[in-house]
């Protein structure tokens, strides 16, 4: 498993903002194109942008958990025990665990 730093986390935060640029590119292209895009073309592009945004957000959340050693990336038994005591209904799932 790769070790991430706060610099990697900062890059992931900036990647999430890319979604706004993607939408702006779509808006400008559709507005300035000689032939406007069809509703289906616009819908497909928006679905793709949404999926990319969700993947970027997942990457950001996962990377922040790795950088700060949270959830399944926590290795401190005292922190894990305290978390289990505070949130017994939400156990930490280790990578590869079926729990």
PDB file of N, CA and C in Angstrom:
ATOM      1  N   UNK A   1       0.858  -1.174   0.000  1.00  0.00           N
ATOM      2  CA  UNK A   1       0.000   0.000   0.000  1.00  0.00           C
ATOM      3  C   UNK A   1       0.900   1.232   0.000  1.00  0.00           C
ATOM      4  N   UNK A   2       0.612   2.145  -0.891  1.00  0.00           N
ATOM      5  CA  UNK A   2       1.416   3.361  -1.014  1.00  0.00           C
ATOM      6  C   UNK A   2       1.175   4.287   0.175  1.00  0.00           C
ATOM      7  N   UNK A   3       2.246   4.877   0.660  1.00  0.00           N
ATOM      8  CA  UNK A   3       2.144   5.881   1.715  1.00  0.00           C
ATOM      9  C   UNK A   3       1.939   7.246   1.048  1.00  0.00           C
ATOM     10  N   UNK A   4       0.885   7.937   1.441  1.00  0.00           N
ATOM     11  CA  UNK A   4       0.606   9.260   0.905  1.00  0.00           C
ATOM     12  C   UNK A   4       1.024  10.325   1.907  1.00  0.00           C
ATOM     13  N   UNK A   5       1.328  11.508   1.388  1.00  0.00           N
ATOM     14  CA  UNK A   5       1.698  12.637   2.237  1.00  0.00           C
ATOM     15  C   UNK A   5       0.625  13.711   2.116  1.00  0.00           C
ATOM     16  N   UNK A   6       0.784  14.759   2.909  1.00  0.00           N
ATOM     17  CA  UNK A   6      -0.177  15.864   2.825  1.00  0.00           C
ATOM     18  C   UNK A   6      -0.099  16.559   1.460  1.00  0.00           C
ATOM     19  N   UNK A   7       1.027  16.433   0.759  1.00  0.00           N
ATOM     20  CA  UNK A   7       1.132  17.006  -0.590  1.00  0.00           C
ATOM     21  C   UNK A   7       0.237  16.235  -1.565  1.00  0.00           C
ATOM     22  N   UNK A   8       0.215  14.903  -1.428  1.00  0.00           N
ATOM     23  CA  UNK A   8      -0.679  14.081  -2.256  1.00  0.00           C
ATOM     24  C   UNK A   8      -2.137  14.435  -1.978  1.00  0.00           C
ATOM     25  N   UNK A   9      -2.440  14.662  -0.705  1.00  0.00           N
ATOM     26  CA  UNK A   9      -3.804  15.024  -0.313  1.00  0.00           C
ATOM     27  C   UNK A   9      -4.192  16.369  -0.925  1.00  0.00           C
ATOM     28  N   UNK A  10      -3.280  17.316  -0.897  1.00  0.00           N
ATOM     29  CA  UNK A  10      -3.551  18.629  -1.504  1.00  0.00           C
ATOM     30  C   UNK A  10      -3.830  18.488  -2.997  1.00  0.00           C
ATOM     31  N   UNK A  11      -3.051  17.655  -3.690  1.00  0.00           N
ATOM     32  CA  UNK A  11      -3.289  17.422  -5.115  1.00  0.00           C
ATOM     33  C   UNK A  11      -4.668  16.812  -5.351  1.00  0.00           C
ATOM     34  N   UNK A  12      -5.084  15.892  -4.489  1.00  0.00           N
ATOM     35  CA  UNK A  12      -6.402  15.263  -4.630  1.00  0.00           C
ATOM     36  C   UNK A  12      -7.517  16.292  -4.446  1.00  0.00           C
ATOM     37  N   UNK A  13      -7.311  17.235  -3.530  1.00  0.00           N
ATOM     38  CA  UNK A  13      -8.305  18.299  -3.327  1.00  0.00           C
ATOM     39  C   UNK A  13      -8.434  19.136  -4.594  1.00  0.00           C
ATOM     40  N   UNK A  14      -7.304  19.487  -5.197  1.00  0.00           N
ATOM     41  CA  UNK A  14      -7.350  20.276  -6.428  1.00  0.00           C
ATOM     42  C   UNK A  14      -7.999  19.502  -7.571  1.00  0.00           C
ATOM     43  N   UNK A  15      -7.795  18.178  -7.620  1.00  0.00           N
ATOM     44  CA  UNK A  15      -8.425  17.363  -8.667  1.00  0.00           C
ATOM     45  C   UNK A  15      -9.944  17.422  -8.581  1.00  0.00           C
ATOM     46  N   UNK A  16     -10.483  17.449  -7.364  1.00  0.00           N
ATOM     47  CA  UNK A  16     -11.939  17.504  -7.198  1.00  0.00           C
ATOM     48  C   UNK A  16     -12.482  18.785  -7.818  1.00  0.00           C
ATOM     49  N   UNK A  17     -11.744  19.865  -7.690  1.00  0.00           N
ATOM     50  CA  UNK A  17     -12.183  21.129  -8.288  1.00  0.00           C
ATOM     51  C   UNK A  17     -12.206  21.077  -9.807  1.00  0.00           C
ATOM     52  N   UNK A  18     -11.536  20.098 -10.401  1.00  0.00           N
ATOM     53  CA  UNK A  18     -11.505  19.961 -11.853  1.00  0.00           C
ATOM     54  C   UNK A  18     -12.917  19.772 -12.418  1.00  0.00           C
ATOM     55  N   UNK A  19     -13.832  19.246 -11.616  1.00  0.00           N
ATOM     56  CA  UNK A  19     -15.198  19.019 -12.067  1.00  0.00           C
ATOM     57  C   UNK A  19     -15.835  20.315 -12.550  1.00  0.00           C
ATOM     58  N   UNK A  20     -15.602  21.409 -11.836  1.00  0.00           N
ATOM     59  CA  UNK A  20     -16.155  22.701 -12.251  1.00  0.00           C
ATOM     60  C   UNK A  20     -15.598  23.107 -13.615  1.00  0.00           C
ATOM     61  N   UNK A  21     -14.315  22.850 -13.845  1.00  0.00           N
ATOM     62  CA  UNK A  21     -13.714  23.160 -15.151  1.00  0.00           C
ATOM     63  C   UNK A  21     -14.307  22.281 -16.245  1.00  0.00           C
ATOM     64  N   UNK A  22     -14.576  21.011 -15.916  1.00  0.00           N
ATOM     65  CA  UNK A  22     -15.189  20.105 -16.897  1.00  0.00           C
ATOM     66  C   UNK A  22     -16.565  20.614 -17.320  1.00  0.00           C
ATOM     67  N   UNK A  23     -17.356  21.052 -16.341  1.00  0.00           N
ATOM     68  CA  UNK A  23     -18.696  21.569 -16.643  1.00  0.00           C
ATOM     69  C   UNK A  23     -18.604  22.857 -17.458  1.00  0.00           C
ATOM     70  N   UNK A  24     -17.662  23.718 -17.124  1.00  0.00           N
ATOM     71  CA  UNK A  24     -17.482  24.969 -17.882  1.00  0.00           C
ATOM     72  C   UNK A  24     -17.084  24.674 -19.322  1.00  0.00           C
ATOM     73  N   UNK A  25     -16.225  23.680 -19.534  1.00  0.00           N
ATOM     74  CA  UNK A  25     -15.827  23.293 -20.891  1.00  0.00           C
ATOM     75  C   UNK A  25     -17.036  22.806 -21.679  1.00  0.00           C
ATOM     76  N   UNK A  26     -17.865  21.986 -21.054  1.00  0.00           N
ATOM     77  CA  UNK A  26     -19.089  21.514 -21.709  1.00  0.00           C
ATOM     78  C   UNK A  26     -19.991  22.690 -22.072  1.00  0.00           C
ATOM     79  N   UNK A  27     -20.182  23.603 -21.133  1.00  0.00           N
ATOM     80  CA  UNK A  27     -21.049  24.754 -21.342  1.00  0.00           C
ATOM     81  C   UNK A  27     -20.553  25.601 -22.521  1.00  0.00           C
ATOM     82  N   UNK A  28     -19.255  25.883 -22.539  1.00  0.00           N
ATOM     83  CA  UNK A  28     -18.699  26.709 -23.628  1.00  0.00           C
ATOM     84  C   UNK A  28     -18.777  25.992 -24.963  1.00  0.00           C
ATOM     85  N   UNK A  29     -18.458  24.707 -24.964  1.00  0.00           N
ATOM     86  CA  UNK A  29     -18.505  23.952 -26.215  1.00  0.00           C
ATOM     87  C   UNK A  29     -19.921  23.920 -26.766  1.00  0.00           C
ATOM     88  N   UNK A  30     -20.877  23.612 -25.915  1.00  0.00           N
ATOM     89  CA  UNK A  30     -22.263  23.524 -26.358  1.00  0.00           C
ATOM     90  C   UNK A  30     -22.763  24.888 -26.848  1.00  0.00           C
ATOM     91  N   UNK A  31     -22.394  25.943 -26.160  1.00  0.00           N
ATOM     92  CA  UNK A  31     -22.864  27.277 -26.540  1.00  0.00           C
ATOM     93  C   UNK A  31     -22.196  27.840 -27.774  1.00  0.00           C
ATOM     94  N   UNK A  32     -20.946  27.442 -28.017  1.00  0.00           N
ATOM     95  CA  UNK A  32     -20.187  28.022 -29.126  1.00  0.00           C
ATOM     96  C   UNK A  32     -20.083  27.126 -30.348  1.00  0.00           C
ATOM     97  N   UNK A  33     -20.525  25.887 -30.245  1.00  0.00           N
ATOM     98  CA  UNK A  33     -20.401  24.956 -31.369  1.00  0.00           C
ATOM     99  C   UNK A  33     -21.323  25.375 -32.507  1.00  0.00           C
ATOM    100  N   UNK A  34     -20.875  25.114 -33.729  1.00  0.00           N
ATOM    101  CA  UNK A  34     -21.701  25.441 -34.896  1.00  0.00           C
ATOM    102  C   UNK A  34     -23.007  24.657 -34.862  1.00  0.00           C
ATOM    103  N   UNK A  35     -22.928  23.408 -34.461  1.00  0.00           N
ATOM    104  CA  UNK A  35     -24.109  22.567 -34.328  1.00  0.00           C
ATOM    105  C   UNK A  35     -24.248  22.192 -32.865  1.00  0.00           C
ATOM    106  N   UNK A  36     -25.310  22.656 -32.223  1.00  0.00           N
ATOM    107  CA  UNK A  36     -25.487  22.309 -30.805  1.00  0.00           C
ATOM    108  C   UNK A  36     -25.572  20.802 -30.600  1.00  0.00           C
ATOM    109  N   UNK A  37     -25.164  20.355 -29.440  1.00  0.00           N
ATOM    110  CA  UNK A  37     -25.215  18.927 -29.121  1.00  0.00           C
ATOM    111  C   UNK A  37     -26.665  18.520 -28.858  1.00  0.00           C
ATOM    112  N   UNK A  38     -26.926  17.244 -29.063  1.00  0.00           N
ATOM    113  CA  UNK A  38     -28.276  16.733 -28.790  1.00  0.00           C
ATOM    114  C   UNK A  38     -28.448  16.552 -27.281  1.00  0.00           C
ATOM    115  N   UNK A  39     -29.692  16.379 -26.876  1.00  0.00           N
ATOM    116  CA  UNK A  39     -29.977  16.128 -25.460  1.00  0.00           C
ATOM    117  C   UNK A  39     -29.277  14.859 -24.979  1.00  0.00           C
ATOM    118  N   UNK A  40     -29.257  13.834 -25.828  1.00  0.00           N
ATOM    119  CA  UNK A  40     -28.585  12.586 -25.458  1.00  0.00           C
ATOM    120  C   UNK A  40     -27.085  12.794 -25.267  1.00  0.00           C
ATOM    121  N   UNK A  41     -26.463  13.553 -26.164  1.00  0.00           N
ATOM    122  CA  UNK A  41     -25.028  13.819 -26.035  1.00  0.00           C
ATOM    123  C   UNK A  41     -24.729  14.574 -24.739  1.00  0.00           C
ATOM    124  N   UNK A  42     -25.539  15.574 -24.450  1.00  0.00           N
ATOM    125  CA  UNK A  42     -25.341  16.350 -23.223  1.00  0.00           C
ATOM    126  C   UNK A  42     -25.548  15.459 -22.002  1.00  0.00           C
ATOM    127  N   UNK A  43     -26.600  14.639 -22.030  1.00  0.00           N
ATOM    128  CA  UNK A  43     -26.881  13.750 -20.897  1.00  0.00           C
ATOM    129  C   UNK A  43     -25.727  12.779 -20.669  1.00  0.00           C
ATOM    130  N   UNK A  44     -25.192  12.193 -21.741  1.00  0.00           N
ATOM    131  CA  UNK A  44     -24.083  11.249 -21.615  1.00  0.00           C
ATOM    132  C   UNK A  44     -22.839  11.922 -21.034  1.00  0.00           C
ATOM    133  N   UNK A  45     -22.551  13.127 -21.486  1.00  0.00           N
ATOM    134  CA  UNK A  45     -21.388  13.858 -20.973  1.00  0.00           C
ATOM    135  C   UNK A  45     -21.587  14.186 -19.500  1.00  0.00           C
ATOM    136  N   UNK A  46     -22.777  14.647 -19.133  1.00  0.00           N
ATOM    137  CA  UNK A  46     -23.041  14.979 -17.727  1.00  0.00           C
ATOM    138  C   UNK A  46     -22.945  13.746 -16.826  1.00  0.00           C
ATOM    139  N   UNK A  47     -23.431  12.612 -17.304  1.00  0.00           N
ATOM    140  CA  UNK A  47     -23.314  11.371 -16.531  1.00  0.00           C
ATOM    141  C   UNK A  47     -21.834  11.014 -16.343  1.00  0.00           C
ATOM    142  N   UNK A  48     -21.042  11.173 -17.397  1.00  0.00           N
ATOM    143  CA  UNK A  48     -19.608  10.901 -17.309  1.00  0.00           C
ATOM    144  C   UNK A  48     -18.907  11.833 -16.335  1.00  0.00           C
ATOM    145  N   UNK A  49     -19.242  13.120 -16.384  1.00  0.00           N
ATOM    146  CA  UNK A  49     -18.650  14.088 -15.457  1.00  0.00           C
ATOM    147  C   UNK A  49     -19.032  13.739 -14.024  1.00  0.00           C
ATOM    148  N   UNK A  50     -20.296  13.354 -13.815  1.00  0.00           N
ATOM    149  CA  UNK A  50     -20.749  12.965 -12.475  1.00  0.00           C
ATOM    150  C   UNK A  50     -19.961  11.764 -11.962  1.00  0.00           C
ATOM    151  N   UNK A  51     -19.764  10.758 -12.819  1.00  0.00           N
ATOM    152  CA  UNK A  51     -19.015   9.572 -12.410  1.00  0.00           C
ATOM    153  C   UNK A  51     -17.562   9.918 -12.085  1.00  0.00           C
ATOM    154  N   UNK A  52     -16.951  10.757 -12.895  1.00  0.00           N
ATOM    155  CA  UNK A  52     -15.582  11.191 -12.608  1.00  0.00           C
ATOM    156  C   UNK A  52     -15.510  11.944 -11.284  1.00  0.00           C
ATOM    157  N   UNK A  53     -16.498  12.796 -11.039  1.00  0.00           N
ATOM    158  CA  UNK A  53     -16.522  13.552  -9.790  1.00  0.00           C
ATOM    159  C   UNK A  53     -16.626  12.612  -8.590  1.00  0.00           C
ATOM    160  N   UNK A  54     -17.489  11.611  -8.687  1.00  0.00           N
ATOM    161  CA  UNK A  54     -17.633  10.645  -7.603  1.00  0.00           C
ATOM    162  C   UNK A  54     -16.334   9.880  -7.359  1.00  0.00           C
ATOM    163  N   UNK A  55     -15.627   9.528  -8.430  1.00  0.00           N
ATOM    164  CA  UNK A  55     -14.353   8.826  -8.275  1.00  0.00           C
ATOM    165  C   UNK A  55     -13.301   9.735  -7.640  1.00  0.00           C
ATOM    166  N   UNK A  56     -13.274  11.001  -8.050  1.00  0.00           N
ATOM    167  CA  UNK A  56     -12.327  11.946  -7.452  1.00  0.00           C
ATOM    168  C   UNK A  56     -12.621  12.143  -5.967  1.00  0.00           C
ATOM    169  N   UNK A  57     -13.899  12.230  -5.619  1.00  0.00           N
ATOM    170  CA  UNK A  57     -14.274  12.390  -4.204  1.00  0.00           C
ATOM    171  C   UNK A  57     -13.911  11.152  -3.403  1.00  0.00           C
ATOM    172  N   UNK A  58     -14.133   9.956  -3.963  1.00  0.00           N
ATOM    173  CA  UNK A  58     -13.755   8.733  -3.272  1.00  0.00           C
ATOM    174  C   UNK A  58     -12.241   8.708  -3.040  1.00  0.00           C
ATOM    175  N   UNK A  59     -11.482   9.071  -4.082  1.00  0.00           N
ATOM    176  CA  UNK A  59     -10.021   9.093  -3.955  1.00  0.00           C
ATOM    177  C   UNK A  59      -9.589  10.075  -2.866  1.00  0.00           C
ATOM    178  N   UNK A  60     -10.234  11.232  -2.818  1.00  0.00           N
ATOM    179  CA  UNK A  60      -9.912  12.234  -1.806  1.00  0.00           C
ATOM    180  C   UNK A  60     -10.209  11.707  -0.401  1.00  0.00           C
ATOM    181  N   UNK A  61     -11.359  11.096  -0.199  1.00  0.00           N
ATOM    182  CA  UNK A  61     -11.712  10.569   1.112  1.00  0.00           C
ATOM    183  C   UNK A  61     -10.774   9.433   1.521  1.00  0.00           C
ATOM    184  N   UNK A  62     -10.468   8.548   0.587  1.00  0.00           N
ATOM    185  CA  UNK A  62      -9.571   7.435   0.885  1.00  0.00           C
ATOM    186  C   UNK A  62      -8.168   7.944   1.207  1.00  0.00           C
ATOM    187  N   UNK A  63      -7.698   8.909   0.433  1.00  0.00           N
ATOM    188  CA  UNK A  63      -6.361   9.447   0.667  1.00  0.00           C
ATOM    189  C   UNK A  63      -6.280  10.173   2.007  1.00  0.00           C
ATOM    190  N   UNK A  64      -7.319  10.901   2.367  1.00  0.00           N
ATOM    191  CA  UNK A  64      -7.300  11.593   3.658  1.00  0.00           C
ATOM    192  C   UNK A  64      -7.286  10.573   4.796  1.00  0.00           C
ATOM    193  N   UNK A  65      -8.009   9.468   4.650  1.00  0.00           N
ATOM    194  CA  UNK A  65      -7.982   8.420   5.668  1.00  0.00           C
ATOM    195  C   UNK A  65      -6.594   7.802   5.769  1.00  0.00           C
ATOM    196  N   UNK A  66      -5.914   7.654   4.643  1.00  0.00           N
ATOM    197  CA  UNK A  66      -4.551   7.104   4.662  1.00  0.00           C
ATOM    198  C   UNK A  66      -3.561   8.078   5.287  1.00  0.00           C
ATOM    199  N   UNK A  67      -3.629   9.349   4.882  1.00  0.00           N
ATOM    200  CA  UNK A  67      -2.685  10.339   5.396  1.00  0.00           C
ATOM    201  C   UNK A  67      -2.826  10.497   6.903  1.00  0.00           C
ATOM    202  N   UNK A  68      -4.069  10.541   7.387  1.00  0.00           N
ATOM    203  CA  UNK A  68      -4.301  10.758   8.816  1.00  0.00           C
ATOM    204  C   UNK A  68      -4.494   9.447   9.582  1.00  0.00           C
ATOM    205  N   UNK A  69      -4.276   8.314   8.878  1.00  0.00           N
ATOM    206  CA  UNK A  69      -4.377   6.983   9.484  1.00  0.00           C
ATOM    207  C   UNK A  69      -5.712   6.794  10.213  1.00  0.00           C
ATOM    208  N   UNK A  70      -6.775   6.961   9.442  1.00  0.00           N
ATOM    209  CA  UNK A  70      -8.132   6.832   9.966  1.00  0.00           C
ATOM    210  C   UNK A  70      -8.774   5.545   9.448  1.00  0.00           C
ATOM    211  N   UNK A  71      -9.862   5.174  10.098  1.00  0.00           N
ATOM    212  CA  UNK A  71     -10.696   4.039   9.670  1.00  0.00           C
ATOM    213  C   UNK A  71      -9.871   2.780   9.446  1.00  0.00           C
ATOM    214  N   UNK A  72      -9.956   2.191   8.273  1.00  0.00           N
ATOM    215  CA  UNK A  72      -9.272   0.925   8.026  1.00  0.00           C
ATOM    216  C   UNK A  72      -7.756   1.068   7.957  1.00  0.00           C
ATOM    217  N   UNK A  73      -7.230   2.286   7.923  1.00  0.00           N
ATOM    218  CA  UNK A  73      -5.790   2.498   7.846  1.00  0.00           C
ATOM    219  C   UNK A  73      -5.165   2.781   9.213  1.00  0.00           C
ATOM    220  N   UNK A  74      -5.982   2.818  10.247  1.00  0.00           N
ATOM    221  CA  UNK A  74      -5.486   3.068  11.599  1.00  0.00           C
ATOM    222  C   UNK A  74      -4.768   1.820  12.107  1.00  0.00           C
ATOM    223  N   UNK A  75      -3.576   2.019  12.660  1.00  0.00           N
ATOM    224  CA  UNK A  75      -2.812   0.895  13.196  1.00  0.00           C
ATOM    225  C   UNK A  75      -2.614   1.002  14.707  1.00  0.00           C
ATOM    226  N   UNK A  76      -3.077   2.075  15.310  1.00  0.00           N
ATOM    227  CA  UNK A  76      -2.914   2.295  16.748  1.00  0.00           C
ATOM    228  C   UNK A  76      -4.023   1.557  17.501  1.00  0.00           C
ATOM    229  N   UNK A  77      -3.684   0.514  18.267  1.00  0.00           N
ATOM    230  CA  UNK A  77      -4.724  -0.259  18.954  1.00  0.00           C
ATOM    231  C   UNK A  77      -5.525   0.559  19.962  1.00  0.00           C
ATOM    232  N   UNK A  78      -4.913   1.554  20.584  1.00  0.00           N
ATOM    233  CA  UNK A  78      -5.647   2.396  21.541  1.00  0.00           C
ATOM    234  C   UNK A  78      -6.722   3.218  20.830  1.00  0.00           C
ATOM    235  N   UNK A  79      -6.361   3.772  19.666  1.00  0.00           N
ATOM    236  CA  UNK A  79      -7.339   4.563  18.898  1.00  0.00           C
ATOM    237  C   UNK A  79      -8.462   3.673  18.372  1.00  0.00           C
ATOM    238  N   UNK A  80      -8.101   2.490  17.924  1.00  0.00           N
ATOM    239  CA  UNK A  80      -9.127   1.564  17.427  1.00  0.00           C
ATOM    240  C   UNK A  80     -10.080   1.153  18.543  1.00  0.00           C
ATOM    241  N   UNK A  81      -9.550   0.896  19.734  1.00  0.00           N
ATOM    242  CA  UNK A  81     -10.395   0.515  20.873  1.00  0.00           C
ATOM    243  C   UNK A  81     -11.308   1.672  21.279  1.00  0.00           C
ATOM    244  N   UNK A  82     -10.761   2.896  21.293  1.00  0.00           N
ATOM    245  CA  UNK A  82     -11.570   4.069  21.643  1.00  0.00           C
ATOM    246  C   UNK A  82     -12.674   4.283  20.612  1.00  0.00           C
ATOM    247  N   UNK A  83     -12.349   4.104  19.346  1.00  0.00           N
ATOM    248  CA  UNK A  83     -13.346   4.283  18.289  1.00  0.00           C
ATOM    249  C   UNK A  83     -14.435   3.225  18.416  1.00  0.00           C
ATOM    250  N   UNK A  84     -14.027   2.000  18.680  1.00  0.00           N
ATOM    251  CA  UNK A  84     -14.997   0.908  18.846  1.00  0.00           C
ATOM    252  C   UNK A  84     -15.929   1.182  20.023  1.00  0.00           C
ATOM    253  N   UNK A  85     -15.383   1.748  21.090  1.00  0.00           N
ATOM    254  CA  UNK A  85     -16.185   2.059  22.271  1.00  0.00           C
ATOM    255  C   UNK A  85     -17.176   3.196  21.981  1.00  0.00           C
ATOM    256  N   UNK A  86     -16.719   4.209  21.232  1.00  0.00           N
ATOM    257  CA  UNK A  86     -17.575   5.362  20.924  1.00  0.00           C
ATOM    258  C   UNK A  86     -18.638   5.030  19.879  1.00  0.00           C
ATOM    259  N   UNK A  87     -18.270   4.193  18.914  1.00  0.00           N
ATOM    260  CA  UNK A  87     -19.171   3.885  17.796  1.00  0.00           C
ATOM    261  C   UNK A  87     -19.303   2.377  17.616  1.00  0.00           C
ATOM    262  N   UNK A  88     -19.923   1.687  18.570  1.00  0.00           N
ATOM    263  CA  UNK A  88     -20.008   0.217  18.471  1.00  0.00           C
ATOM    264  C   UNK A  88     -20.827  -0.275  17.275  1.00  0.00           C
ATOM    265  N   UNK A  89     -21.718   0.556  16.769  1.00  0.00           N
ATOM    266  CA  UNK A  89     -22.544   0.148  15.628  1.00  0.00           C
ATOM    267  C   UNK A  89     -21.835   0.312  14.288  1.00  0.00           C
ATOM    268  N   UNK A  90     -20.650   0.937  14.302  1.00  0.00           N
ATOM    269  CA  UNK A  90     -19.902   1.200  13.071  1.00  0.00           C
ATOM    270  C   UNK A  90     -18.474   0.699  13.212  1.00  0.00           C
ATOM    271  N   UNK A  91     -18.283  -0.628  13.175  1.00  0.00           N
ATOM    272  CA  UNK A  91     -16.924  -1.159  13.338  1.00  0.00           C
ATOM    273  C   UNK A  91     -16.034  -0.787  12.152  1.00  0.00           C
ATOM    274  N   UNK A  92     -14.752  -0.672  12.434  1.00  0.00           N
ATOM    275  CA  UNK A  92     -13.774  -0.366  11.380  1.00  0.00           C
ATOM    276  C   UNK A  92     -13.572  -1.620  10.546  1.00  0.00           C
ATOM    277  N   UNK A  93     -13.705  -1.463   9.235  1.00  0.00           N
ATOM    278  CA  UNK A  93     -13.510  -2.585   8.326  1.00  0.00           C
ATOM    279  C   UNK A  93     -12.092  -2.528   7.791  1.00  0.00           C
ATOM    280  N   UNK A  94     -11.316  -3.546   8.078  1.00  0.00           N
ATOM    281  CA  UNK A  94      -9.958  -3.635   7.568  1.00  0.00           C
ATOM    282  C   UNK A  94     -10.010  -3.989   6.084  1.00  0.00           C
ATOM    283  N   UNK A  95      -8.992  -3.553   5.329  1.00  0.00           N
ATOM    284  CA  UNK A  95      -8.917  -3.886   3.914  1.00  0.00           C
ATOM    285  C   UNK A  95      -8.959  -5.405   3.747  1.00  0.00           C
ATOM    286  N   UNK A  96      -9.819  -5.866   2.872  1.00  0.00           N
ATOM    287  CA  UNK A  96      -9.957  -7.287   2.611  1.00  0.00           C
ATOM    288  C   UNK A  96     -10.861  -8.018   3.584  1.00  0.00           C
ATOM    289  N   UNK A  97     -11.374  -7.305   4.599  1.00  0.00           N
ATOM    290  CA  UNK A  97     -12.242  -7.920   5.598  1.00  0.00           C
ATOM    291  C   UNK A  97     -13.667  -8.009   5.069  1.00  0.00           C
ATOM    292  N   UNK A  98     -14.380  -9.040   5.472  1.00  0.00           N
ATOM    293  CA  UNK A  98     -15.772  -9.224   5.053  1.00  0.00           C
ATOM    294  C   UNK A  98     -16.744  -8.661   6.081  1.00  0.00           C
ATOM    295  N   UNK A  99     -16.251  -8.100   7.191  1.00  0.00           N
ATOM    296  CA  UNK A  99     -17.118  -7.587   8.268  1.00  0.00           C
ATOM    297  C   UNK A  99     -17.996  -6.470   7.782  1.00  0.00           C
TER     298      UNK A  99
END
